[in-house]
Amino acid sequence: MIELLVTLVLLGLISALVIPGMDAWLKSRELSSQELSLSAGFAMLPIKAANSGKSIVISSAADLNLQGIELEIEQPIIIDSNGYCHRGQLKLSNNGVKHLYNINSPFCELERAQLH
């Protein structure tokens, strides 16, 4: 009986140490998942523009049609009809924290920037 009590106390102590760290880890994984979705979405835009022969302008989050990702477009992203991507900038909100990203030329690569 005492072994069971010791086991439960140890389990409680371990849980008290691990669970707060799990929350930060889960938030980090969520941000990474959103970054990956965003990066994949932008990587497809030059291909779509080149295939359609039309320029694409991303000036609002609705233009990207990404579900579950809260974005603010700071500087519009323009993709020419030949697939060339002009530099742009956006903010991604994750759990109340805003992260600034640059969209780099010529391939619409996503890069985290310093938030001022």
Protein backbone atom coordinates (compact mmCIF):
# COMPACT_ATOMS: atom_id res chain seq x y z
CA MET A 1 0.00 0.00 0.00
CA ILE A 2 2.84 2.41 0.82
CA GLU A 3 4.43 1.62 -2.57
CA LEU A 4 1.26 2.73 -4.33
CA LEU A 5 1.21 5.98 -2.35
CA VAL A 6 4.88 6.67 -3.15
CA THR A 7 4.23 5.92 -6.83
CA LEU A 8 1.27 8.31 -6.94
CA VAL A 9 3.25 11.07 -5.20
CA LEU A 10 6.13 10.64 -7.64
CA LEU A 11 3.73 10.65 -10.59
CA GLY A 12 2.17 13.87 -9.26
CA LEU A 13 5.55 15.55 -8.85
CA ILE A 14 6.70 14.52 -12.32
CA SER A 15 3.43 15.73 -13.83
CA ALA A 16 3.79 19.08 -12.06
CA LEU A 17 7.21 19.53 -13.65
CA VAL A 18 6.38 18.25 -17.14
CA ILE A 19 2.94 19.72 -17.86
CA PRO A 20 3.96 23.44 -17.81
CA GLY A 21 6.71 22.66 -20.31
CA MET A 22 4.26 20.74 -22.49
CA ASP A 23 2.17 23.87 -22.99
CA ALA A 24 5.14 25.81 -24.36
CA TRP A 25 6.13 22.84 -26.50
CA LEU A 26 2.60 22.53 -27.95
CA LYS A 27 2.51 26.27 -28.76
CA SER A 28 5.88 25.95 -30.47
CA ARG A 29 4.65 22.98 -32.53
CA GLU A 30 1.52 24.92 -33.52
CA LEU A 31 3.63 27.86 -34.72
CA SER A 32 5.92 25.52 -36.68
CA SER A 33 2.89 23.90 -38.30
CA GLN A 34 1.48 27.29 -39.30
CA GLU A 35 4.86 28.39 -40.67
CA LEU A 36 5.06 25.20 -42.73
CA SER A 37 1.56 25.71 -44.17
CA LEU A 38 2.34 29.34 -44.95
CA SER A 39 5.66 28.47 -46.56
CA ALA A 40 4.04 25.77 -48.71
CA GLY A 41 1.27 28.16 -49.74
CA PHE A 42 3.75 30.81 -50.85
CA ALA A 43 5.95 28.26 -52.64
CA MET A 44 3.01 27.37 -54.89
CA LEU A 45 2.19 30.95 -55.89
CA PRO A 46 4.97 31.41 -58.50
CA ILE A 47 3.91 28.13 -60.13
CA LYS A 48 0.25 29.21 -60.19
CA ALA A 49 1.16 32.60 -61.68
CA ALA A 50 3.38 31.06 -64.36
CA ASN A 51 0.78 28.42 -65.27
CA SER A 52 -2.06 30.94 -65.50
CA GLY A 53 0.02 33.62 -67.22
CA LYS A 54 -1.45 36.19 -64.82
CA SER A 55 0.12 38.19 -62.01
CA ILE A 56 -1.00 37.48 -58.45
CA VAL A 57 -1.22 40.18 -55.78
CA ILE A 58 -1.57 39.20 -52.12
CA SER A 59 -2.78 42.26 -50.22
CA SER A 60 -4.94 40.60 -47.55
CA ALA A 61 -5.05 37.30 -45.68
CA ALA A 62 -8.21 36.34 -47.58
CA ASP A 63 -6.19 36.26 -50.83
CA LEU A 64 -4.24 33.26 -49.51
CA ASN A 65 -7.28 31.22 -48.44
CA LEU A 66 -5.41 29.53 -45.56
CA GLN A 67 -7.75 28.18 -42.89
CA GLY A 68 -6.90 28.58 -39.21
CA ILE A 69 -4.02 31.01 -39.72
CA GLU A 70 -4.38 34.62 -38.57
CA LEU A 71 -2.38 36.92 -40.86
CA GLU A 72 -1.87 40.62 -41.48
CA ILE A 73 -0.24 41.58 -44.77
CA GLU A 74 2.16 44.42 -43.96
CA GLN A 75 3.57 44.86 -47.47
CA PRO A 76 1.69 43.35 -50.44
CA ILE A 77 3.31 40.40 -52.16
CA ILE A 78 3.33 40.57 -55.96
CA ILE A 79 4.04 37.56 -58.14
CA ASP A 80 4.57 38.36 -61.81
CA SER A 81 3.05 36.25 -64.58
CA ASN A 82 6.48 34.69 -65.20
CA GLY A 83 6.58 33.43 -61.58
CA TYR A 84 8.95 36.07 -60.18
CA CYS A 85 7.99 36.91 -56.59
CA HIS A 86 8.57 40.44 -55.31
CA ARG A 87 9.51 41.00 -51.69
CA GLY A 88 6.66 41.39 -49.21
CA GLN A 89 6.01 41.25 -45.49
CA LEU A 90 3.37 39.80 -43.18
CA LYS A 91 2.58 39.18 -39.52
CA LEU A 92 1.40 35.83 -38.22
CA SER A 93 -0.53 35.83 -34.93
CA ASN A 94 -0.12 32.72 -32.80
CA ASN A 95 -1.57 32.50 -29.28
CA GLY A 96 -1.66 36.30 -29.00
CA VAL A 97 1.96 36.73 -30.11
CA LYS A 98 2.74 38.36 -33.47
CA HIS A 99 5.62 37.07 -35.58
CA LEU A 100 6.97 39.12 -38.50
CA TYR A 101 8.00 37.40 -41.75
CA ASN A 102 9.61 38.56 -44.97
CA ILE A 103 8.65 37.00 -48.27
CA ASN A 104 11.86 36.99 -50.27
CA SER A 105 12.49 37.27 -54.00
CA PRO A 106 12.55 35.50 -56.38
CA PHE A 107 10.86 32.30 -55.08
CA CYS A 108 8.49 33.62 -52.36
CA GLU A 109 10.58 32.09 -49.58
CA LEU A 110 9.33 32.70 -46.04
CA GLU A 111 11.86 34.09 -43.56
CA ARG A 112 11.26 35.15 -39.95
CA ALA A 113 12.22 38.79 -39.36
CA GLN A 114 12.84 40.78 -36.20
CA LEU A 115 9.72 42.47 -34.85
CA HIS A 116 10.53 46.08 -33.91
